[in-house]
Amino acid sequence: MSTATPETTLTVDRDVRFRETPERTLAMDVYRPTDEPGSADGRPAALCVHGGGWREGSKGQLSRSALDFAS
């Protein structure tokens, strides 16, 4: 059975630093289509932030959702 949309190959850039504090380094994972060329105009984006008030949880909690959004 075929799908309605073609499958997308994804690249995941893990632990991309976005902020340094005296207590810790903050990092994110970036999920993006591999087979689409970059664009000077940019692309749509979704920012997923886990709950926990910067004290509990991890960015890995939303990895499945991030894969779905990026594909």
N, C-alpha and C. Protein backbone atom coordinates (compact mmCIF):
# COMPACT_ATOMS: atom_id res chain seq x y z
N MET A 1 0.84 -1.17 0.00
CA MET A 1 0.00 0.00 0.00
C MET A 1 0.89 1.24 0.00
N SER A 2 0.65 2.17 -0.87
CA SER A 2 1.48 3.37 -0.94
C SER A 2 0.94 4.46 -0.03
N THR A 3 1.83 5.38 0.32
CA THR A 3 1.42 6.49 1.18
C THR A 3 1.05 7.69 0.31
N ALA A 4 0.34 8.63 0.89
CA ALA A 4 -0.10 9.81 0.15
C ALA A 4 1.05 10.77 -0.13
N THR A 5 2.06 10.78 0.73
CA THR A 5 3.20 11.67 0.53
C THR A 5 4.49 10.84 0.53
N PRO A 6 5.48 11.27 -0.23
CA PRO A 6 6.74 10.53 -0.24
C PRO A 6 7.44 10.62 1.11
N GLU A 7 8.20 9.58 1.43
CA GLU A 7 8.94 9.58 2.69
C GLU A 7 10.09 10.58 2.61
N THR A 8 10.32 11.30 3.69
CA THR A 8 11.37 12.31 3.75
C THR A 8 12.54 11.78 4.55
N THR A 9 13.74 11.99 4.03
CA THR A 9 14.95 11.64 4.77
C THR A 9 15.30 12.82 5.66
N LEU A 10 15.59 12.53 6.93
CA LEU A 10 15.86 13.60 7.89
C LEU A 10 17.30 13.56 8.39
N THR A 11 17.80 14.73 8.72
CA THR A 11 19.09 14.88 9.38
C THR A 11 18.82 15.45 10.76
N VAL A 12 19.49 14.92 11.77
CA VAL A 12 19.34 15.43 13.13
C VAL A 12 20.71 15.94 13.59
N ASP A 13 20.79 17.24 13.84
CA ASP A 13 21.99 17.84 14.39
C ASP A 13 21.78 17.90 15.90
N ARG A 14 22.52 17.08 16.62
CA ARG A 14 22.31 16.96 18.07
C ARG A 14 23.21 17.89 18.86
N ASP A 15 22.69 18.33 19.98
CA ASP A 15 23.44 19.14 20.95
C ASP A 15 24.03 20.41 20.36
N VAL A 16 23.21 21.14 19.60
CA VAL A 16 23.62 22.44 19.06
C VAL A 16 23.50 23.46 20.19
N ARG A 17 24.61 24.02 20.60
CA ARG A 17 24.60 24.98 21.72
C ARG A 17 23.92 26.28 21.32
N PHE A 18 23.05 26.77 22.20
CA PHE A 18 22.43 28.06 21.94
C PHE A 18 22.59 29.04 23.08
N ARG A 19 23.09 28.59 24.23
CA ARG A 19 23.26 29.50 25.36
C ARG A 19 24.24 28.90 26.37
N GLU A 20 25.13 29.73 26.87
CA GLU A 20 26.06 29.34 27.93
C GLU A 20 25.69 30.14 29.17
N THR A 21 25.57 29.46 30.30
CA THR A 21 25.34 30.13 31.57
C THR A 21 26.41 29.65 32.54
N PRO A 22 26.59 30.32 33.66
CA PRO A 22 27.57 29.83 34.64
C PRO A 22 27.23 28.42 35.14
N GLU A 23 25.95 28.07 35.15
CA GLU A 23 25.53 26.77 35.67
C GLU A 23 25.59 25.65 34.64
N ARG A 24 25.32 25.97 33.37
CA ARG A 24 25.24 24.91 32.36
C ARG A 24 25.27 25.48 30.94
N THR A 25 25.48 24.56 30.02
CA THR A 25 25.37 24.87 28.59
C THR A 25 24.00 24.39 28.13
N LEU A 26 23.25 25.25 27.45
CA LEU A 26 21.94 24.86 26.92
C LEU A 26 22.12 24.47 25.46
N ALA A 27 21.52 23.34 25.09
CA ALA A 27 21.67 22.83 23.74
C ALA A 27 20.33 22.32 23.22
N MET A 28 20.22 22.26 21.91
CA MET A 28 19.00 21.77 21.27
C MET A 28 19.38 20.78 20.18
N ASP A 29 18.41 19.99 19.76
CA ASP A 29 18.56 19.12 18.60
C ASP A 29 17.76 19.74 17.47
N VAL A 30 18.35 19.79 16.27
CA VAL A 30 17.70 20.38 15.11
C VAL A 30 17.35 19.24 14.14
N TYR A 31 16.07 19.10 13.83
CA TYR A 31 15.58 18.08 12.91
C TYR A 31 15.22 18.78 11.61
N ARG A 32 15.80 18.31 10.48
CA ARG A 32 15.53 18.97 9.21
C ARG A 32 15.54 17.96 8.07
N PRO A 33 14.80 18.26 7.00
CA PRO A 33 14.83 17.38 5.84
C PRO A 33 16.22 17.39 5.21
N THR A 34 16.73 16.21 4.87
CA THR A 34 18.05 16.10 4.27
C THR A 34 18.01 16.42 2.79
N ASP A 35 16.98 15.97 2.11
CA ASP A 35 16.95 16.03 0.65
C ASP A 35 16.49 17.37 0.08
N GLU A 36 16.17 18.34 0.92
CA GLU A 36 15.75 19.64 0.41
C GLU A 36 16.91 20.63 0.51
N PRO A 37 17.22 21.35 -0.58
CA PRO A 37 18.30 22.33 -0.50
C PRO A 37 17.93 23.48 0.43
N GLY A 38 18.93 24.10 1.01
CA GLY A 38 18.68 25.26 1.87
C GLY A 38 18.14 26.42 1.05
N SER A 39 17.58 27.37 1.69
CA SER A 39 16.99 28.51 1.01
C SER A 39 17.37 29.79 1.72
N ALA A 40 17.71 30.82 0.95
CA ALA A 40 18.03 32.12 1.54
C ALA A 40 16.80 32.71 2.22
N ASP A 41 15.62 32.29 1.79
CA ASP A 41 14.38 32.80 2.37
C ASP A 41 13.98 32.03 3.63
N GLY A 42 14.69 30.97 3.95
CA GLY A 42 14.39 30.19 5.15
C GLY A 42 13.31 29.16 4.90
N ARG A 43 12.94 28.51 5.97
CA ARG A 43 11.91 27.46 5.93
C ARG A 43 10.98 27.65 7.11
N PRO A 44 9.79 27.07 7.03
CA PRO A 44 8.94 27.07 8.22
C PRO A 44 9.65 26.30 9.34
N ALA A 45 9.36 26.65 10.56
CA ALA A 45 9.99 25.98 11.70
C ALA A 45 8.99 25.80 12.83
N ALA A 46 9.25 24.79 13.64
CA ALA A 46 8.47 24.56 14.86
C ALA A 46 9.46 24.43 16.00
N LEU A 47 9.19 25.10 17.08
CA LEU A 47 10.04 25.03 18.27
C LEU A 47 9.30 24.23 19.33
N CYS A 48 9.86 23.10 19.74
CA CYS A 48 9.25 22.25 20.75
C CYS A 48 10.06 22.37 22.03
N VAL A 49 9.42 22.78 23.11
CA VAL A 49 10.10 22.94 24.40
C VAL A 49 9.41 22.02 25.41
N HIS A 50 10.19 21.15 26.03
CA HIS A 50 9.61 20.24 27.02
C HIS A 50 9.29 21.00 28.30
N GLY A 51 8.37 20.47 29.06
CA GLY A 51 8.04 21.07 30.35
C GLY A 51 9.12 20.77 31.37
N GLY A 52 9.03 21.35 32.52
CA GLY A 52 9.98 21.05 33.58
C GLY A 52 10.67 22.27 34.15
N GLY A 53 10.34 23.45 33.62
CA GLY A 53 10.88 24.69 34.18
C GLY A 53 12.40 24.76 34.20
N TRP A 54 13.04 24.19 33.19
CA TRP A 54 14.51 24.19 33.07
C TRP A 54 15.17 23.42 34.22
N ARG A 55 14.40 22.63 34.97
CA ARG A 55 14.96 21.86 36.08
C ARG A 55 14.82 20.35 35.88
N GLU A 56 13.77 19.94 35.20
CA GLU A 56 13.50 18.52 35.01
C GLU A 56 13.26 18.24 33.54
N GLY A 57 13.35 16.97 33.18
CA GLY A 57 13.06 16.57 31.81
C GLY A 57 14.27 16.74 30.91
N SER A 58 14.05 16.42 29.62
CA SER A 58 15.13 16.53 28.65
C SER A 58 14.57 16.77 27.26
N LYS A 59 15.43 17.25 26.38
CA LYS A 59 15.02 17.51 25.00
C LYS A 59 14.61 16.22 24.29
N GLY A 60 15.11 15.09 24.76
CA GLY A 60 14.76 13.81 24.16
C GLY A 60 13.30 13.42 24.33
N GLN A 61 12.60 14.04 25.28
CA GLN A 61 11.19 13.73 25.51
C GLN A 61 10.33 14.02 24.27
N LEU A 62 10.74 14.96 23.45
CA LEU A 62 9.94 15.36 22.30
C LEU A 62 10.53 14.90 20.97
N SER A 63 11.47 13.97 21.00
CA SER A 63 12.13 13.56 19.76
C SER A 63 11.15 12.96 18.75
N ARG A 64 10.20 12.17 19.20
CA ARG A 64 9.22 11.58 18.27
C ARG A 64 8.38 12.67 17.60
N SER A 65 7.93 13.65 18.38
CA SER A 65 7.16 14.76 17.81
C SER A 65 8.02 15.57 16.85
N ALA A 66 9.27 15.80 17.20
CA ALA A 66 10.17 16.57 16.33
C ALA A 66 10.37 15.85 15.00
N LEU A 67 10.52 14.54 15.03
CA LEU A 67 10.64 13.78 13.79
C LEU A 67 9.39 13.92 12.94
N ASP A 68 8.23 13.86 13.56
CA ASP A 68 6.97 14.01 12.83
C ASP A 68 6.85 15.40 12.21
N PHE A 69 7.20 16.44 12.96
CA PHE A 69 7.11 17.80 12.43
C PHE A 69 8.07 18.00 11.25
N ALA A 70 9.26 17.44 11.34
CA ALA A 70 10.28 17.66 10.31
C ALA A 70 10.02 16.88 9.03
N SER A 71 9.23 15.81 9.12
CA SER A 71 9.03 14.99 7.93
C SER A 71 7.84 15.39 7.10
